[in-house]
Amino acid sequence: VHRARVGDKREVVVKVQSPGVEKLMMIDIINLQIHAENEKQIGYEFDFEREANAMEKLQLTLMGEPSIFLVVP
């Protein structure tokens, strides 16, 4: 956005859009969304209680009950 003057010295604002800038902006937005998803996933990697609960659910799903054949640490 730029400040400009027209012939009668009236001040106006001029907004210039460069060719291709919309496509670049959309790429930036996609990259930000991916970054946010990565942050969420990294948070999950350090949530050991959540991971333990998931492993217990997996064991119950596979075996139907706690089993000596499948041990979840």
Protein backbone atom coordinates (compact mmCIF):
# COMPACT_ATOMS: atom_id res chain seq x y z
CA VAL A 1 0.00 0.00 0.00
CA HIS A 2 1.36 3.39 -1.01
CA ARG A 3 0.42 7.01 -0.41
CA ALA A 4 -0.05 9.04 -3.59
CA ARG A 5 -1.45 12.34 -4.85
CA VAL A 6 -3.75 12.88 -7.79
CA GLY A 7 -3.70 15.89 -10.12
CA ASP A 8 -5.50 18.27 -7.74
CA LYS A 9 -3.07 17.36 -4.94
CA ARG A 10 -5.66 15.23 -3.22
CA GLU A 11 -4.03 12.43 -1.18
CA VAL A 12 -5.07 8.89 -2.02
CA VAL A 13 -3.99 5.37 -1.15
CA VAL A 14 -2.86 3.00 -3.89
CA LYS A 15 -2.72 -0.73 -3.32
CA VAL A 16 -0.65 -2.67 -5.85
CA GLN A 17 -0.99 -6.40 -6.41
CA SER A 18 1.93 -7.99 -8.20
CA PRO A 19 1.30 -10.80 -10.67
CA GLY A 20 1.47 -14.22 -9.01
CA VAL A 21 1.30 -12.88 -5.45
CA GLU A 22 -2.02 -14.63 -4.74
CA LYS A 23 -0.50 -18.02 -5.61
CA LEU A 24 2.50 -17.31 -3.35
CA MET A 25 0.18 -16.29 -0.52
CA MET A 26 -1.77 -19.54 -0.85
CA ILE A 27 1.50 -21.52 -0.69
CA ASP A 28 2.43 -19.61 2.48
CA ILE A 29 -0.94 -20.44 4.04
CA ILE A 30 -0.52 -24.14 3.23
CA ASN A 31 2.98 -24.11 4.73
CA LEU A 32 1.65 -22.48 7.91
CA GLN A 33 -1.04 -25.15 8.20
CA ILE A 34 1.57 -27.90 7.79
CA HIS A 35 3.75 -26.22 10.43
CA ALA A 36 0.82 -26.11 12.86
CA GLU A 37 0.09 -29.80 12.24
CA ASN A 38 3.75 -30.68 12.83
CA GLU A 39 3.71 -28.78 16.14
CA LYS A 40 0.66 -30.78 17.23
CA GLN A 41 2.28 -34.08 16.25
CA ILE A 42 5.50 -33.22 18.10
CA GLY A 43 3.42 -32.49 21.19
CA TYR A 44 1.89 -35.96 20.90
CA GLU A 45 5.35 -37.55 20.77
CA PHE A 46 6.07 -36.26 24.27
CA ASP A 47 2.70 -37.22 25.75
CA PHE A 48 3.69 -40.62 27.15
CA GLU A 49 0.41 -41.14 29.02
CA ARG A 50 -1.53 -40.68 25.78
CA GLU A 51 0.80 -43.12 24.03
CA ALA A 52 0.44 -45.70 26.84
CA ASN A 53 -3.36 -45.44 26.65
CA ALA A 54 -3.21 -45.97 22.89
CA MET A 55 -1.03 -49.06 23.33
CA GLU A 56 -3.43 -50.49 25.93
CA LYS A 57 -6.35 -49.94 23.54
CA LEU A 58 -4.38 -51.64 20.77
CA GLN A 59 -3.65 -54.61 23.01
CA LEU A 60 -7.34 -54.96 23.93
CA THR A 61 -8.36 -54.62 20.28
CA LEU A 62 -5.93 -57.31 19.14
CA MET A 63 -6.30 -59.75 22.02
CA GLY A 64 -9.72 -58.96 23.53
CA GLU A 65 -8.26 -58.90 27.03
CA PRO A 66 -4.91 -58.38 28.69
CA SER A 67 -2.62 -61.12 27.47
CA ILE A 68 0.67 -62.69 28.42
CA PHE A 69 1.39 -63.18 24.70
CA LEU A 70 1.31 -59.50 23.82
CA VAL A 71 3.04 -57.23 26.28
CA VAL A 72 2.69 -53.49 25.98
CA PRO A 73 5.46 -51.68 27.84
